[in-house]
Structure formats: structure tokens, C-alpha cells
Amino acid sequence: MKPQIWENFPEDLFEIVLARLPLASIFCFRTVCRQWNNFLTSQSFFQHFDQISQVNPWFYTTFGNSNYVAVYDPFMKRWYCPSVTQTPDMPVLPVSSTRGLVCFYDTSYHDLCVCNPLTRSFKILPTGSIASWVFSGMTMNGSAGYRVLRLGIGGEYEIYDSVTKYWSLGQIHAGIMIPQLFPSFSKPVAIGTTLYIRHMFPEGILSCDTSTGVWTQHLFPAPLNTSYITLVESDGHIMYVGLLTENDATYVCIWELSKTSLLLKEVDRMKCLEFYKKVADLTCFGTKGWLMLHLQSHNMYHMFTYNIANREWLKVFVPFEIKLHSYNQVSGTTFQPCLTAMP
């Protein structure tokens, strides 16, 4: 616009307009000058920002032995690398996320931490009663905070409430079969206050309503000739993502789980031409209809994003700095980017 028009733009509309811009643009505008930075970090701007729903999630991704970290924005198709090497004050293994916060597992001290990747503020959760656990996940706690669940080997569990700031201990009732194995490559899925976990032996899904502590188990077989099955969420529905082998060909396949019949309906598939007659591994994580997939076989590595609504597969090019190192190990989680989320 002409300078004289921009000069007369009502100041009370600045925050309303800027709050609707992509988050990456907001960070760019903060570097214009000190006045713009103060404006875009003010409490009134954050209030406008909170009222705008950030539709597209971002992917918090670790490469190699969790030493290299990058955040990917699928809408802008862009990587953000705060630093190639993981900084010592940041946890390393992402477990789950909700409301712009990510729950990490600190392998050095065996602690759980909750962090906002955008502001790099994090909180180490207090030590609970369960010394060794096989699974952990994170859900919302109404409109005020979050809950973190830890499940022990013998069916004991504890839930941390960010509002009360303490762990509550419980035991899964005898009617539920305690799973012998939780796949390490399968991430938990949170829908509202309920956490869904895929388990093997027996094959099925275990869920826990973190607000009531009620556990439910559904047993059903996985699709035939499949491997590396992962749970994901899309529009409140549970989806299965995994590798399917048919006639020596490998496919990345997506199924939707019916809540009533517990039947899996195939939604889409992608043929992996480069992996013909080769053993492949798949890592997948996603929510809000966006998936990040890492496919590998020996020295071949491919990363894709998938939009469930548009059924669109897009190849992701890894940043040059990360390509210099081995990234055959990929882990991560999705999170809703939020400037105001506090751990």
C-alpha cells in the first residue's frame, strides 16, 4: 500500500490482522525492529493469537541418536533448525503432545519434561511413585492445563495433573489383559482427555480417560501382511498407518478404525517403488490429519508428509546440515504451534 494509506491504518486492527498470519511470518516481523518485537510479544497480542485456531500442526523431529533436532511446518513446507546439535538444556526424546506443549523423556536422568518448542521454556515433572514404566502419554486437562500418564509393568499407573501439580496413583482392574508388548515405534493418540495406545500380544488398543482413570480395552487383529503399525488421529478418528506387503511389493497403507464395529477400512496407499523386494522400516507420527513418515531400508531413506483430507503425498527434503550426519533413526511428535502455551 501507499505510505499515506498505511500510516492511517487503525492501530487497533494491527493485532487482529497479524494474529491471523502464519506463525513463521510473526517470527519474521519480530525481527523488524524493537517496537515491532514488543508489539508482537505483548499480552494483548497473545490474547488475539489465542482466539485464532492454528489449524496445521508442526512436526518436532529428532534425527540420529536424538542429537539433531528440527521442526517442520507442512503448510509452509519449511524446516526450522534452532541448532543442528541438541542443546544441553533441552530434553531429547519426544513422547506426546497437546496444546502446543510436548512431553519429553530425558534418558540421562529418567525424568519426564514438558516443553513449548517455540519459546524453549520447559518444566521437569516431579518424581512419581512408579520407578519403571513401559508407556507414557499426554492429554488435555479441560481448558486449564494438561495431564501426563505413566503405565507400569504390572498394570499400575499414575497421572500427573498440571493444575494440582501432583501424581495420582491407580491400578488397572483385573478384567483387562495387561499387554506384554507396546511397539516402540507406535506413538500414543490423544483425543480430548482420552489416551489411546496400540499394544501387541494381545493385539488391540488400550485406552484411558485421564479425567476419570477409567481404562478400556478392545482386542482385534491387525491387517494381514502388515508391519510397523502406528496409531494416528484425524478429525477425532483413530487411523492405522503401516507397511503392507503384497506380491513382493511394499505399500504404505492407511486404514480408518470404525468405533462401533472395530473394523479397519482402507483409506489410501502409496507404492514404494524404490523398496521393491526389500525389507523396509516405517516411522510415522501425526495428528489433525497431517502425517510425517520416514521410510528406510539399509542405506535408503525417504521422508514424506501426508494430508489425510486431500490424500496428498509429498516428499520432504531433509536440511543439508542433517544430511551430513546419519539420520537412519528418526523420532518425533506433532504439536500445535502456540506462543502462549506454558508448561
Protein backbone atom coordinates (compact mmCIF):
# COMPACT_ATOMS: atom_id res chain seq x y z
CA MET A 1 0.00 0.00 0.00
CA LYS A 2 0.99 3.61 -0.37
CA PRO A 3 2.74 5.04 2.72
CA GLN A 4 0.00 7.56 3.37
CA ILE A 5 -2.61 4.79 3.42
CA TRP A 6 -0.54 2.55 5.72
CA GLU A 7 0.08 5.45 8.10
CA ASN A 8 -3.66 5.89 8.57
CA PHE A 9 -4.31 2.18 9.20
CA PRO A 10 -6.17 1.91 12.54
CA GLU A 11 -3.77 0.72 15.23
CA ASP A 12 -6.46 -1.32 16.98
CA LEU A 13 -6.62 -3.56 13.88
CA PHE A 14 -2.90 -4.37 13.85
CA GLU A 15 -3.19 -7.19 16.38
CA ILE A 16 -6.33 -8.64 14.78
CA VAL A 17 -4.66 -8.81 11.35
CA LEU A 18 -1.24 -10.03 12.48
CA ALA A 19 -2.71 -12.75 14.70
CA ARG A 20 -4.12 -14.38 11.53
CA LEU A 21 -0.78 -14.60 9.75
CA PRO A 22 1.24 -17.83 9.58
CA LEU A 23 3.33 -18.27 12.69
CA ALA A 24 6.56 -18.13 10.67
CA SER A 25 5.61 -14.65 9.44
CA ILE A 26 5.04 -13.47 13.01
CA PHE A 27 8.58 -14.52 13.94
CA CYS A 28 9.91 -12.66 10.90
CA PHE A 29 8.02 -9.50 11.83
CA ARG A 30 9.52 -9.61 15.33
CA THR A 31 12.96 -9.06 13.79
CA VAL A 32 11.95 -5.82 12.01
CA CYS A 33 12.65 -3.54 14.96
CA ARG A 34 12.37 -3.36 18.74
CA GLN A 35 8.96 -1.68 18.56
CA TRP A 36 7.52 -4.50 16.42
CA ASN A 37 9.05 -7.12 18.71
CA ASN A 38 7.48 -5.50 21.78
CA PHE A 39 4.18 -5.24 19.94
CA LEU A 40 4.16 -8.91 18.91
CA THR A 41 5.12 -10.12 22.39
CA SER A 42 2.54 -8.06 24.26
CA GLN A 43 -0.19 -9.65 26.35
CA SER A 44 -2.94 -8.11 24.23
CA PHE A 45 -1.46 -9.63 21.04
CA PHE A 46 -1.24 -13.05 22.72
CA GLN A 47 -4.93 -12.79 23.64
CA HIS A 48 -5.83 -12.21 19.98
CA PHE A 49 -3.48 -15.00 18.93
CA ASP A 50 -5.13 -17.48 21.31
CA GLN A 51 -8.53 -16.76 19.76
CA ILE A 52 -7.29 -17.83 16.32
CA SER A 53 -7.20 -21.59 15.80
CA GLN A 54 -3.87 -22.79 14.41
CA VAL A 55 -5.15 -25.49 12.05
CA ASN A 56 -1.90 -27.04 10.81
CA PRO A 57 0.31 -28.90 13.28
CA TRP A 58 4.10 -28.83 13.18
CA PHE A 59 6.42 -31.82 13.45
CA TYR A 60 9.06 -31.90 16.17
CA THR A 61 11.65 -34.33 14.78
CA THR A 62 14.88 -35.82 16.12
CA PHE A 63 17.48 -37.43 13.86
CA GLY A 64 20.25 -39.90 14.57
CA ASN A 65 20.69 -40.71 18.24
CA SER A 66 18.43 -37.77 19.19
CA ASN A 67 21.36 -35.36 18.75
CA TYR A 68 19.90 -33.39 15.85
CA VAL A 69 16.60 -31.57 16.09
CA ALA A 70 14.44 -29.80 13.54
CA VAL A 71 10.84 -28.57 13.41
CA TYR A 72 8.90 -28.92 10.15
CA ASP A 73 5.98 -26.75 9.06
CA PRO A 74 3.98 -28.78 6.47
CA PHE A 75 1.91 -25.75 5.41
CA MET A 76 4.97 -23.64 4.51
CA LYS A 77 6.98 -26.78 3.57
CA ARG A 78 9.88 -25.46 5.61
CA TRP A 79 12.29 -26.74 8.26
CA TYR A 80 13.27 -24.69 11.27
CA CYS A 81 16.50 -25.77 12.94
CA PRO A 82 17.15 -23.97 16.24
CA SER A 83 20.56 -25.65 16.15
CA VAL A 84 21.91 -28.72 14.47
CA THR A 85 23.17 -30.18 17.73
CA GLN A 86 20.68 -30.63 20.53
CA THR A 87 21.34 -28.08 23.26
CA PRO A 88 22.02 -29.46 26.76
CA ASP A 89 19.11 -27.63 28.38
CA MET A 90 16.51 -29.27 26.11
CA PRO A 91 15.09 -32.79 26.59
CA VAL A 92 15.66 -35.18 23.71
CA LEU A 93 13.04 -37.91 23.18
CA PRO A 94 9.56 -36.57 22.31
CA VAL A 95 6.78 -38.79 23.66
CA SER A 96 3.46 -36.99 23.17
CA SER A 97 1.97 -33.52 22.84
CA THR A 98 -1.11 -31.39 23.45
CA ARG A 99 -1.98 -27.70 23.12
CA GLY A 100 1.40 -26.54 21.86
CA LEU A 101 3.29 -28.46 24.55
CA VAL A 102 5.48 -31.52 24.02
CA CYS A 103 6.23 -34.18 26.64
CA PHE A 104 9.82 -35.48 26.55
CA TYR A 105 11.65 -38.33 28.17
CA ASP A 106 15.10 -37.42 29.49
CA THR A 107 17.23 -40.53 29.04
CA SER A 108 20.05 -39.20 31.21
CA TYR A 109 18.03 -38.66 34.38
CA HIS A 110 14.96 -40.76 33.53
CA ASP A 111 12.70 -37.74 34.03
CA LEU A 112 9.67 -36.55 32.11
CA CYS A 113 9.66 -32.93 30.97
CA VAL A 114 7.05 -30.74 29.33
CA CYS A 115 8.24 -28.09 26.90
CA ASN A 116 6.99 -25.43 24.48
CA PRO A 117 9.34 -25.87 21.48
CA LEU A 118 8.65 -22.33 20.24
CA THR A 119 9.55 -20.48 23.44
CA ARG A 120 12.00 -23.17 24.61
CA SER A 121 10.52 -22.99 28.10
CA PHE A 122 10.24 -26.35 29.86
CA LYS A 123 9.38 -27.88 33.19
CA ILE A 124 10.73 -31.07 34.75
CA LEU A 125 7.87 -33.04 36.25
CA PRO A 126 8.21 -34.15 39.88
CA THR A 127 9.26 -37.72 40.63
CA GLY A 128 6.31 -40.09 40.83
CA SER A 129 5.75 -43.42 42.57
CA ILE A 130 6.45 -45.63 39.54
CA ALA A 131 10.18 -46.09 39.10
CA SER A 132 9.98 -48.01 35.80
CA TRP A 133 7.25 -47.60 33.22
CA VAL A 134 6.57 -49.05 29.77
CA PHE A 135 4.46 -46.28 28.36
CA SER A 136 3.74 -42.57 28.82
CA GLY A 137 1.43 -40.10 27.07
CA MET A 138 -0.17 -36.67 27.37
CA THR A 139 -3.73 -35.30 27.14
CA MET A 140 -5.57 -32.05 27.72
CA ASN A 141 -6.99 -31.09 31.09
CA GLY A 142 -10.11 -29.10 30.23
CA SER A 143 -9.12 -25.55 29.33
CA ALA A 144 -6.63 -25.07 32.13
CA GLY A 145 -3.70 -27.41 31.54
CA TYR A 146 -2.58 -30.95 30.76
CA ARG A 147 -2.25 -34.45 32.20
CA VAL A 148 0.61 -36.91 31.77
CA LEU A 149 0.07 -40.67 32.11
CA ARG A 150 2.65 -43.30 33.01
CA LEU A 151 1.87 -47.02 32.87
CA GLY A 152 3.95 -49.52 34.86
CA ILE A 153 4.81 -53.11 34.01
CA GLY A 154 2.33 -54.69 36.42
CA GLY A 155 -0.69 -52.57 35.43
CA GLU A 156 -0.08 -49.79 37.97
CA TYR A 157 -0.38 -46.30 36.55
CA GLU A 158 -0.13 -42.69 37.68
CA ILE A 159 -1.45 -39.43 36.22
CA TYR A 160 0.16 -36.03 36.69
CA ASP A 161 -2.22 -33.06 36.72
CA SER A 162 -0.65 -29.70 35.83
CA VAL A 163 -3.36 -27.87 37.81
CA THR A 164 -2.91 -29.74 41.11
CA LYS A 165 0.80 -30.38 40.40
CA TYR A 166 0.90 -33.90 41.81
CA TRP A 167 0.70 -37.54 40.65
CA SER A 168 -2.31 -39.73 41.43
CA LEU A 169 -1.68 -43.49 41.61
CA GLY A 170 -4.02 -46.22 40.35
CA GLN A 171 -4.25 -49.84 39.21
CA ILE A 172 -5.84 -51.26 36.06
CA HIS A 173 -8.72 -53.53 37.08
CA ALA A 174 -8.42 -57.29 36.71
CA GLY A 175 -10.83 -57.50 33.74
CA ILE A 176 -8.23 -56.01 31.38
CA MET A 177 -5.40 -58.14 30.00
CA ILE A 178 -2.08 -56.41 30.65
CA PRO A 179 -0.27 -56.24 27.29
CA GLN A 180 3.08 -57.97 27.02
CA LEU A 181 4.46 -55.56 24.44
CA PHE A 182 3.94 -51.93 23.40
CA PRO A 183 5.51 -51.18 19.99
CA SER A 184 8.31 -48.64 20.45
CA PHE A 185 7.61 -47.16 17.00
CA SER A 186 3.90 -46.53 17.73
CA LYS A 187 3.04 -43.19 19.36
CA PRO A 188 0.06 -42.65 21.69
CA VAL A 189 -3.00 -40.86 20.33
CA ALA A 190 -4.88 -38.29 22.41
CA ILE A 191 -8.49 -37.37 21.63
CA GLY A 192 -9.84 -34.97 24.22
CA THR A 193 -8.99 -36.36 27.65
CA THR A 194 -8.65 -39.96 26.42
CA LEU A 195 -5.34 -41.53 25.52
CA TYR A 196 -5.23 -44.46 23.06
CA ILE A 197 -2.36 -46.94 22.98
CA ARG A 198 -1.76 -49.74 20.50
CA HIS A 199 -0.42 -52.94 22.05
CA MET A 200 0.67 -56.38 20.84
CA PHE A 201 0.16 -59.80 22.41
CA PRO A 202 -2.79 -59.44 22.69
CA GLU A 203 -3.34 -57.31 19.59
CA GLY A 204 -5.60 -54.31 20.11
CA ILE A 205 -6.00 -50.86 21.64
CA LEU A 206 -5.87 -49.85 25.29
CA SER A 207 -7.42 -46.51 26.27
CA CYS A 208 -7.53 -44.43 29.43
CA ASP A 209 -9.71 -41.45 30.23
CA THR A 210 -7.22 -39.36 32.20
CA SER A 211 -10.00 -37.31 33.80
CA THR A 212 -11.66 -40.34 35.43
CA GLY A 213 -8.95 -43.01 35.38
CA VAL A 214 -11.28 -45.45 33.56
CA TRP A 215 -9.47 -47.97 31.34
CA THR A 216 -10.97 -49.76 28.33
CA GLN A 217 -9.52 -52.49 26.10
CA HIS A 218 -10.53 -53.56 22.60
CA LEU A 219 -8.97 -56.68 21.07
CA PHE A 220 -8.95 -57.16 17.30
CA PRO A 221 -6.40 -58.41 14.74
CA ALA A 222 -4.17 -56.14 12.70
CA PRO A 223 -4.47 -56.31 8.88
CA LEU A 224 -2.77 -59.29 7.27
CA ASN A 225 0.77 -59.00 5.87
CA THR A 226 1.40 -55.74 7.70
CA SER A 227 4.17 -54.41 9.92
CA TYR A 228 5.15 -51.25 11.81
CA ILE A 229 1.53 -50.37 12.57
CA THR A 230 1.17 -46.92 14.19
CA LEU A 231 -1.87 -45.12 15.59
CA VAL A 232 -2.63 -41.60 14.36
CA GLU A 233 -5.59 -39.25 14.75
CA SER A 234 -7.61 -37.32 12.19
CA ASP A 235 -10.71 -35.26 12.99
CA GLY A 236 -11.37 -37.28 16.14
CA HIS A 237 -11.00 -40.63 14.34
CA ILE A 238 -8.35 -43.26 15.04
CA MET A 239 -6.32 -44.28 12.00
CA TYR A 240 -3.85 -47.11 11.43
CA VAL A 241 -0.71 -46.49 9.37
CA GLY A 242 1.69 -49.28 8.44
CA LEU A 243 3.57 -51.23 5.78
CA LEU A 244 1.63 -53.69 3.64
CA THR A 245 3.34 -56.40 1.55
CA GLU A 246 1.54 -57.79 -1.50
CA ASN A 247 3.16 -59.76 -4.37
CA ASP A 248 6.70 -58.71 -3.35
CA ALA A 249 5.64 -55.06 -3.44
CA THR A 250 5.68 -52.74 -0.43
CA TYR A 251 2.99 -50.16 0.26
CA VAL A 252 2.49 -47.53 2.92
CA CYS A 253 -1.15 -48.11 3.79
CA ILE A 254 -3.67 -46.10 5.83
CA TRP A 255 -6.81 -47.51 7.45
CA GLU A 256 -9.63 -45.91 9.43
CA LEU A 257 -10.91 -47.71 12.52
CA SER A 258 -14.68 -47.88 12.99
CA LYS A 259 -15.58 -47.08 16.61
CA THR A 260 -18.68 -49.27 16.51
CA SER A 261 -17.63 -52.37 14.59
CA LEU A 262 -13.85 -52.16 15.25
CA LEU A 263 -13.28 -52.93 11.58
CA LEU A 264 -10.46 -51.37 9.59
CA LYS A 265 -11.32 -49.74 6.26
CA GLU A 266 -8.52 -48.90 3.86
CA VAL A 267 -8.33 -45.19 3.10
CA ASP A 268 -5.26 -44.85 0.88
CA ARG A 269 -1.98 -46.47 -0.06
CA MET A 270 1.32 -45.48 -1.68
CA LYS A 271 3.51 -47.95 -3.52
CA CYS A 272 7.18 -47.81 -2.56
CA LEU A 273 8.88 -48.48 -5.88
CA GLU A 274 12.40 -47.95 -4.53
CA PHE A 275 11.86 -50.67 -1.91
CA TYR A 276 10.80 -53.47 -4.27
CA LYS A 277 11.64 -56.85 -2.69
CA LYS A 278 13.48 -55.12 0.15
CA VAL A 279 12.80 -55.17 3.87
CA ALA A 280 11.70 -51.68 4.90
CA ASP A 281 11.10 -49.94 8.23
CA LEU A 282 8.50 -47.25 8.82
CA THR A 283 8.30 -44.50 11.43
CA CYS A 284 5.13 -42.43 11.48
CA PHE A 285 3.58 -39.80 13.74
CA GLY A 286 0.78 -37.34 13.17
CA THR A 287 -2.41 -35.63 14.28
CA LYS A 288 -5.03 -33.23 12.94
CA GLY A 289 -4.95 -35.01 9.58
CA TRP A 290 -1.21 -34.46 8.95
CA LEU A 291 1.31 -37.31 8.98
CA MET A 292 5.10 -37.41 8.88
CA LEU A 293 6.52 -40.69 7.57
CA HIS A 294 10.11 -41.91 7.46
CA LEU A 295 10.77 -44.97 5.29
CA GLN A 296 14.13 -46.71 5.27
CA SER A 297 15.86 -49.84 4.04
CA HIS A 298 19.59 -50.29 4.58
CA ASN A 299 21.07 -47.02 3.23
CA MET A 300 17.89 -45.76 1.56
CA TYR A 301 15.92 -43.07 3.41
CA HIS A 302 12.77 -41.26 2.31
CA MET A 303 10.58 -38.81 4.23
CA PHE A 304 7.01 -37.88 3.30
CA THR A 305 4.13 -35.87 4.62
CA TYR A 306 0.56 -36.98 4.04
CA ASN A 307 -2.58 -34.87 4.20
CA ILE A 308 -5.45 -37.22 5.05
CA ALA A 309 -8.13 -34.73 3.94
CA ASN A 310 -6.57 -34.16 0.49
CA ARG A 311 -4.97 -37.60 0.21
CA GLU A 312 -1.77 -35.91 -0.89
CA TRP A 313 1.70 -37.46 -0.53
CA LEU A 314 4.62 -35.02 -0.61
CA LYS A 315 8.29 -35.88 -0.41
CA VAL A 316 10.20 -33.97 2.28
CA PHE A 317 13.77 -32.88 1.69
CA VAL A 318 15.89 -33.02 4.83
CA PRO A 319 18.03 -29.92 5.61
CA PHE A 320 21.61 -30.05 4.37
CA GLU A 321 23.08 -29.86 7.89
CA ILE A 322 21.23 -33.00 8.93
CA LYS A 323 22.20 -34.85 5.74
CA LEU A 324 25.81 -34.57 6.82
CA HIS A 325 25.05 -36.98 9.63
CA SER A 326 23.36 -40.34 9.78
CA TYR A 327 19.62 -39.91 10.23
CA ASN A 328 18.56 -43.53 9.93
CA GLN A 329 16.96 -43.16 13.37
CA VAL A 330 14.03 -40.74 13.29
CA SER A 331 11.61 -39.99 16.10
CA GLY A 332 9.17 -37.22 16.77
CA THR A 333 5.70 -35.99 17.52
CA THR A 334 3.30 -33.39 16.20
CA PHE A 335 2.29 -30.30 18.15
CA GLN A 336 0.03 -27.31 17.63
CA PRO A 337 2.35 -24.27 17.46
CA CYS A 338 1.35 -21.83 20.21
CA LEU A 339 3.21 -18.82 21.56
CA THR A 340 1.34 -18.74 24.85
CA ALA A 341 1.37 -22.39 25.95
CA MET A 342 3.08 -22.67 29.34
CA PRO A 343 4.44 -25.99 30.67
